[in-house]
Amino acid sequence: MILSNAVNRIRERVEKRRRYNRLIAEIESMTHRDLADINGNRDEMLRGAYREIYG
């Protein structure tokens, strides 16, 4: 039971990290033009990605 709980927590952390890395890669791949088109701020988007995944 304890071992399975630990394994589940590790799996959840790994999945969160994967999702976070995907979001970061998507944001980082945006050009300045892309950001201007959506009136986006890269720093705010990166902070938002962190909050989205980790709370």
C-alpha atoms as a PDB file:
ATOM      1  CA  MET A   1       0.000   0.000   0.000  1.00  0.00           C
ATOM      2  CA  ILE A   2       2.681   2.507   0.988  1.00  0.00           C
ATOM      3  CA  LEU A   3       4.804   1.535  -1.991  1.00  0.00           C
ATOM      4  CA  SER A   4       1.903   1.854  -4.415  1.00  0.00           C
ATOM      5  CA  ASN A   5       1.065   5.310  -3.012  1.00  0.00           C
ATOM      6  CA  ALA A   6       4.678   6.391  -3.482  1.00  0.00           C
ATOM      7  CA  VAL A   7       4.708   5.062  -7.042  1.00  0.00           C
ATOM      8  CA  ASN A   8       1.453   6.882  -7.817  1.00  0.00           C
ATOM      9  CA  ARG A   9       2.846  10.163  -6.456  1.00  0.00           C
ATOM     10  CA  ILE A  10       5.962   9.756  -8.585  1.00  0.00           C
ATOM     11  CA  ARG A  11       3.846   9.054 -11.677  1.00  0.00           C
ATOM     12  CA  GLU A  12       1.761  12.164 -11.004  1.00  0.00           C
ATOM     13  CA  ARG A  13       4.879  14.298 -10.636  1.00  0.00           C
ATOM     14  CA  VAL A  14       6.369  12.921 -13.844  1.00  0.00           C
ATOM     15  CA  GLU A  15       3.133  13.605 -15.730  1.00  0.00           C
ATOM     16  CA  LYS A  16       2.943  17.136 -14.366  1.00  0.00           C
ATOM     17  CA  ARG A  17       6.552  17.746 -15.440  1.00  0.00           C
ATOM     18  CA  ARG A  18       5.781  16.430 -18.941  1.00  0.00           C
ATOM     19  CA  ARG A  19       2.749  18.691 -19.263  1.00  0.00           C
ATOM     20  CA  TYR A  20       4.735  21.662 -17.952  1.00  0.00           C
ATOM     21  CA  ASN A  21       7.604  20.999 -20.362  1.00  0.00           C
ATOM     22  CA  ARG A  22       5.166  20.791 -23.297  1.00  0.00           C
ATOM     23  CA  LEU A  23       3.604  24.119 -22.355  1.00  0.00           C
ATOM     24  CA  ILE A  24       7.013  25.756 -21.948  1.00  0.00           C
ATOM     25  CA  ALA A  25       8.185  24.423 -25.310  1.00  0.00           C
ATOM     26  CA  GLU A  26       5.047  25.750 -26.998  1.00  0.00           C
ATOM     27  CA  ILE A  27       5.432  29.182 -25.421  1.00  0.00           C
ATOM     28  CA  GLU A  28       9.156  29.339 -26.172  1.00  0.00           C
ATOM     29  CA  SER A  29       8.544  28.388 -29.815  1.00  0.00           C
ATOM     30  CA  MET A  30       6.354  31.444 -30.361  1.00  0.00           C
ATOM     31  CA  THR A  31       7.972  34.286 -32.258  1.00  0.00           C
ATOM     32  CA  HIS A  32       7.713  37.910 -31.216  1.00  0.00           C
ATOM     33  CA  ARG A  33       5.280  38.314 -34.088  1.00  0.00           C
ATOM     34  CA  ASP A  34       3.106  35.450 -32.798  1.00  0.00           C
ATOM     35  CA  LEU A  35       3.037  37.064 -29.366  1.00  0.00           C
ATOM     36  CA  ALA A  36       2.183  40.468 -30.828  1.00  0.00           C
ATOM     37  CA  ASP A  37      -0.659  38.933 -32.844  1.00  0.00           C
ATOM     38  CA  ILE A  38      -2.283  37.578 -29.684  1.00  0.00           C
ATOM     39  CA  ASN A  39      -1.183  40.518 -27.525  1.00  0.00           C
ATOM     40  CA  GLY A  40       0.748  38.037 -25.380  1.00  0.00           C
ATOM     41  CA  ASN A  41       3.591  38.473 -22.945  1.00  0.00           C
ATOM     42  CA  ARG A  42       6.013  35.551 -22.808  1.00  0.00           C
ATOM     43  CA  ASP A  43       6.890  36.058 -19.121  1.00  0.00           C
ATOM     44  CA  GLU A  44       3.241  36.172 -18.089  1.00  0.00           C
ATOM     45  CA  MET A  45       2.506  33.105 -20.166  1.00  0.00           C
ATOM     46  CA  LEU A  46       5.379  31.194 -18.554  1.00  0.00           C
ATOM     47  CA  ARG A  47       4.141  32.130 -15.075  1.00  0.00           C
ATOM     48  CA  GLY A  48       0.627  31.134 -16.081  1.00  0.00           C
ATOM     49  CA  ALA A  49       1.863  27.763 -17.319  1.00  0.00           C
ATOM     50  CA  TYR A  50       3.501  27.116 -13.958  1.00  0.00           C
ATOM     51  CA  ARG A  51       0.353  28.094 -12.063  1.00  0.00           C
ATOM     52  CA  GLU A  52      -1.774  25.950 -14.379  1.00  0.00           C
ATOM     53  CA  ILE A  53       0.252  22.830 -13.663  1.00  0.00           C
ATOM     54  CA  TYR A  54       1.483  23.294 -10.107  1.00  0.00           C
ATOM     55  CA  GLY A  55      -1.140  25.598  -8.648  1.00  0.00           C
END
